[in-house]
N, C-alpha and C. Protein backbone atom coordinates (compact mmCIF):
# COMPACT_ATOMS: atom_id res chain seq x y z
N MET A 1 117.37 98.27 103.58
CA MET A 1 115.82 98.49 103.73
C MET A 1 115.40 97.85 104.91
N GLN A 2 114.71 98.68 105.81
CA GLN A 2 114.21 98.32 107.00
C GLN A 2 112.63 97.89 106.93
N SER A 3 112.34 96.88 107.69
CA SER A 3 110.95 96.41 107.80
C SER A 3 110.26 97.29 108.65
N GLN A 4 108.87 97.73 108.27
CA GLN A 4 108.03 98.49 108.83
C GLN A 4 107.07 97.67 109.84
N ASN A 5 107.36 96.44 109.87
CA ASN A 5 106.45 95.43 110.58
C ASN A 5 106.86 95.52 112.16
N PRO A 6 106.08 95.96 113.07
CA PRO A 6 106.25 96.11 114.37
C PRO A 6 106.64 94.81 115.13
N MET A 7 106.05 93.59 114.62
CA MET A 7 106.24 92.40 115.16
C MET A 7 107.67 92.02 115.05
N ILE A 8 108.16 92.16 113.80
CA ILE A 8 109.50 91.91 113.42
C ILE A 8 110.28 92.69 114.31
N ALA A 9 110.23 93.92 114.47
CA ALA A 9 110.95 94.81 115.24
C ALA A 9 111.12 94.39 116.76
N ASP A 10 109.77 94.02 117.37
CA ASP A 10 109.79 93.61 118.53
C ASP A 10 110.66 92.27 118.82
N PHE A 11 110.48 91.44 117.71
CA PHE A 11 111.28 90.20 117.81
C PHE A 11 112.71 90.34 117.83
N VAL A 12 113.32 91.21 116.99
CA VAL A 12 114.66 91.78 117.04
C VAL A 12 115.11 92.32 118.32
N LYS A 13 114.30 93.09 118.98
CA LYS A 13 114.65 93.72 120.20
C LYS A 13 114.69 92.65 121.26
N LEU A 14 113.80 91.62 121.32
CA LEU A 14 113.73 90.49 122.16
C LEU A 14 115.02 89.55 122.07
N ALA A 15 115.47 89.36 120.59
CA ALA A 15 116.59 88.52 120.40
C ALA A 15 117.91 89.34 120.89
N ASN A 16 117.97 90.59 120.72
CA ASN A 16 119.05 91.44 121.12
C ASN A 16 119.17 91.34 122.68
N SER A 17 118.12 91.56 123.30
CA SER A 17 117.96 91.35 124.71
C SER A 17 118.46 90.10 125.30
N ALA A 18 117.98 89.06 124.66
CA ALA A 18 118.28 87.63 125.13
C ALA A 18 119.81 87.46 124.87
N ALA A 19 120.42 87.86 123.87
CA ALA A 19 121.79 87.80 123.56
C ALA A 19 122.63 88.53 124.53
N GLY A 20 122.24 89.72 124.97
CA GLY A 20 123.03 90.38 126.07
C GLY A 20 122.85 89.77 127.27
N THR A 21 121.80 89.23 127.62
CA THR A 21 121.54 88.54 128.97
C THR A 21 122.29 87.19 128.94
N PHE A 22 122.40 86.60 127.77
CA PHE A 22 123.26 85.29 127.82
C PHE A 22 124.72 85.69 127.90
N ALA A 23 125.07 86.73 127.23
CA ALA A 23 126.52 87.14 127.45
C ALA A 23 126.82 87.49 128.88
N GLY A 24 125.88 88.04 129.49
CA GLY A 24 126.08 88.56 130.91
C GLY A 24 126.12 87.35 131.91
N MET A 25 125.19 86.52 131.54
CA MET A 25 125.23 85.11 132.32
C MET A 25 126.37 84.30 132.29
N THR A 26 126.84 84.26 131.03
CA THR A 26 128.16 83.55 130.64
C THR A 26 129.41 84.19 131.47
N ARG A 27 129.48 85.50 131.37
CA ARG A 27 130.54 86.20 132.14
C ARG A 27 130.43 86.02 133.57
N GLU A 28 129.22 86.00 134.12
CA GLU A 28 128.99 85.81 135.62
C GLU A 28 129.39 84.35 135.97
N ALA A 29 128.96 83.36 135.17
CA ALA A 29 129.16 82.14 135.61
C ALA A 29 130.66 81.89 135.45
N ARG A 30 131.56 82.28 134.52
CA ARG A 30 133.06 82.26 134.37
C ARG A 30 133.54 82.76 135.71
N GLU A 31 133.21 83.93 136.05
CA GLU A 31 133.89 84.68 137.17
C GLU A 31 133.59 83.90 138.41
N SER A 32 132.34 83.43 138.63
CA SER A 32 131.92 82.64 139.84
C SER A 32 132.67 81.29 139.80
N ALA A 33 132.98 80.60 138.75
CA ALA A 33 133.69 79.32 138.67
C ALA A 33 135.34 79.71 139.08
N ARG A 34 135.70 80.93 138.62
CA ARG A 34 137.15 81.17 138.96
C ARG A 34 137.29 81.53 140.40
N GLU A 35 136.33 82.16 141.03
CA GLU A 35 136.36 82.49 142.29
C GLU A 35 136.20 81.29 143.27
N ARG A 36 135.38 80.26 142.79
CA ARG A 36 135.30 79.21 143.66
C ARG A 36 136.60 78.41 143.59
N LEU A 37 137.19 78.32 142.31
CA LEU A 37 138.43 77.63 142.17
C LEU A 37 139.48 78.30 143.11
N LYS A 38 139.45 79.58 143.06
CA LYS A 38 140.56 80.21 143.92
C LYS A 38 140.38 80.00 145.45
N GLU A 39 139.02 79.86 145.88
CA GLU A 39 138.64 79.52 147.11
C GLU A 39 139.22 78.21 147.56
N ALA A 40 138.87 77.19 146.69
CA ALA A 40 139.30 75.89 147.01
C ALA A 40 141.00 75.66 147.01
N MET A 41 141.38 76.27 145.91
CA MET A 41 143.02 76.10 145.91
C MET A 41 143.60 77.00 147.07
N GLY A 42 143.03 77.83 147.62
CA GLY A 42 143.50 78.79 148.75
C GLY A 42 143.64 77.89 149.99
N GLY A 43 142.58 76.95 150.14
CA GLY A 43 142.59 76.28 151.33
C GLY A 43 143.67 75.07 151.38
N MET A 44 144.27 74.88 150.23
CA MET A 44 145.40 73.81 150.18
C MET A 44 146.63 74.58 150.62
N ASP A 45 147.54 73.67 150.95
CA ASP A 45 148.86 74.14 151.38
C ASP A 45 149.88 74.05 150.36
N PHE A 46 149.94 74.85 149.31
CA PHE A 46 150.74 74.93 148.31
C PHE A 46 151.87 75.78 148.49
N VAL A 47 153.07 75.72 148.06
CA VAL A 47 154.17 76.75 148.13
C VAL A 47 154.29 77.26 146.71
N SER A 48 154.98 78.57 146.73
CA SER A 48 155.28 79.29 145.60
C SER A 48 156.39 78.64 144.86
N ARG A 49 156.69 78.87 143.65
CA ARG A 49 157.85 78.49 142.95
C ARG A 49 159.02 79.03 143.49
N GLU A 50 158.95 80.33 144.03
CA GLU A 50 160.27 80.98 144.73
C GLU A 50 160.66 80.16 145.81
N GLU A 51 159.66 79.74 146.65
CA GLU A 51 159.89 79.02 147.86
C GLU A 51 160.57 77.69 147.59
N PHE A 52 160.00 76.99 146.66
CA PHE A 52 160.41 75.72 146.04
C PHE A 52 161.89 75.68 145.51
N ASP A 53 162.13 76.76 144.84
CA ASP A 53 163.39 76.84 144.37
C ASP A 53 164.44 77.14 145.41
N ALA A 54 164.05 78.00 146.38
CA ALA A 54 165.00 78.28 147.56
C ALA A 54 165.27 77.05 148.35
N VAL A 55 164.22 76.13 148.69
CA VAL A 55 164.55 74.96 149.34
C VAL A 55 165.30 73.92 148.60
N LYS A 56 164.97 73.98 147.34
CA LYS A 56 165.81 73.13 146.39
C LYS A 56 167.37 73.39 146.33
N ALA A 57 167.70 74.62 146.36
CA ALA A 57 169.00 75.24 146.36
C ALA A 57 169.61 74.84 147.79
N MET A 58 168.75 75.01 148.97
CA MET A 58 169.39 74.79 150.15
C MET A 58 169.71 73.31 150.36
N ALA A 59 168.79 72.35 149.77
CA ALA A 59 169.19 70.96 149.86
C ALA A 59 170.23 70.59 148.95
N ALA A 60 170.58 71.20 147.82
CA ALA A 60 171.76 70.93 147.05
C ALA A 60 173.01 71.31 147.85
N LYS A 61 172.92 72.45 148.42
CA LYS A 61 174.07 72.92 149.14
C LYS A 61 174.48 71.97 150.27
N ALA A 62 173.41 71.52 150.94
CA ALA A 62 173.56 70.65 152.16
C ALA A 62 174.16 69.32 151.55
N ARG A 63 173.70 68.84 150.50
CA ARG A 63 174.13 67.55 149.95
C ARG A 63 175.69 67.92 149.65
N ASP A 64 176.13 68.93 149.05
CA ASP A 64 177.44 69.12 148.70
C ASP A 64 178.34 69.21 150.00
N GLU A 65 177.77 69.99 151.08
CA GLU A 65 178.61 70.04 152.35
C GLU A 65 178.65 68.66 152.92
N ASN A 66 177.62 67.79 152.71
CA ASN A 66 177.74 66.49 153.34
C ASN A 66 178.72 65.52 152.66
N ASP A 67 178.74 65.82 151.30
CA ASP A 67 179.88 65.07 150.51
C ASP A 67 181.18 65.44 150.86
N ALA A 68 181.33 66.70 151.11
CA ALA A 68 182.68 67.35 151.50
C ALA A 68 183.05 66.71 152.98
N LEU A 69 182.26 66.73 153.84
CA LEU A 69 182.35 66.26 155.25
C LEU A 69 182.66 64.77 155.11
N ALA A 70 182.04 63.93 154.31
CA ALA A 70 182.30 62.42 154.23
C ALA A 70 183.71 62.35 153.73
N GLU A 71 184.16 63.13 152.75
CA GLU A 71 185.47 63.00 152.31
C GLU A 71 186.64 63.32 153.43
N ARG A 72 186.37 64.46 154.28
CA ARG A 72 187.22 64.82 155.26
C ARG A 72 187.37 63.66 156.33
N ILE A 73 186.07 62.98 156.62
CA ILE A 73 185.98 62.08 157.65
C ILE A 73 186.87 60.77 157.30
N ALA A 74 186.72 60.55 155.89
CA ALA A 74 187.53 59.33 155.34
C ALA A 74 188.91 59.67 155.46
N ALA A 75 189.45 60.93 155.09
CA ALA A 75 190.87 61.18 155.05
C ALA A 75 191.42 61.15 156.39
N LEU A 76 190.55 61.59 157.57
CA LEU A 76 191.06 61.71 158.82
C LEU A 76 191.00 60.17 159.41
N GLU A 77 190.10 59.33 159.01
CA GLU A 77 190.20 57.94 159.40
C GLU A 77 191.38 57.25 158.84
N ALA A 78 191.63 57.57 157.54
CA ALA A 78 192.85 56.91 156.90
C ALA A 78 194.08 57.34 157.64
N LYS A 79 194.10 58.70 157.89
CA LYS A 79 195.31 59.11 158.64
C LYS A 79 195.50 58.55 160.00
N HIS A 80 194.43 58.35 160.75
CA HIS A 80 194.33 57.76 162.11
C HIS A 80 194.68 56.33 161.98
N ALA A 81 194.31 55.70 160.87
CA ALA A 81 194.73 54.19 160.90
C ALA A 81 196.10 53.99 160.60
N LYS A 82 196.79 55.01 159.98
CA LYS A 82 198.14 54.88 159.73
C LYS A 82 199.14 55.05 160.99
N SER A 83 198.63 55.84 161.84
CA SER A 83 199.45 56.18 163.10
C SER A 83 199.19 55.17 164.19
């Protein structure tokens, strides 16, 4: 059953318009905040996960090679000390 009162109909239209406007403002504020965060984070010097993993693997390989060379030097020094 619908009301025939034009004042109530106008109030309902106003409430619907306000709700739509509020939803639009919320969406716009969220997008604006997201854009500001992207701009702020973009100015910082971060590395990607892939770059970090690549450098981590290179460091592990260098450590292993360093350990192997240290063992070779120790063996050569021991051999040299005997002669």
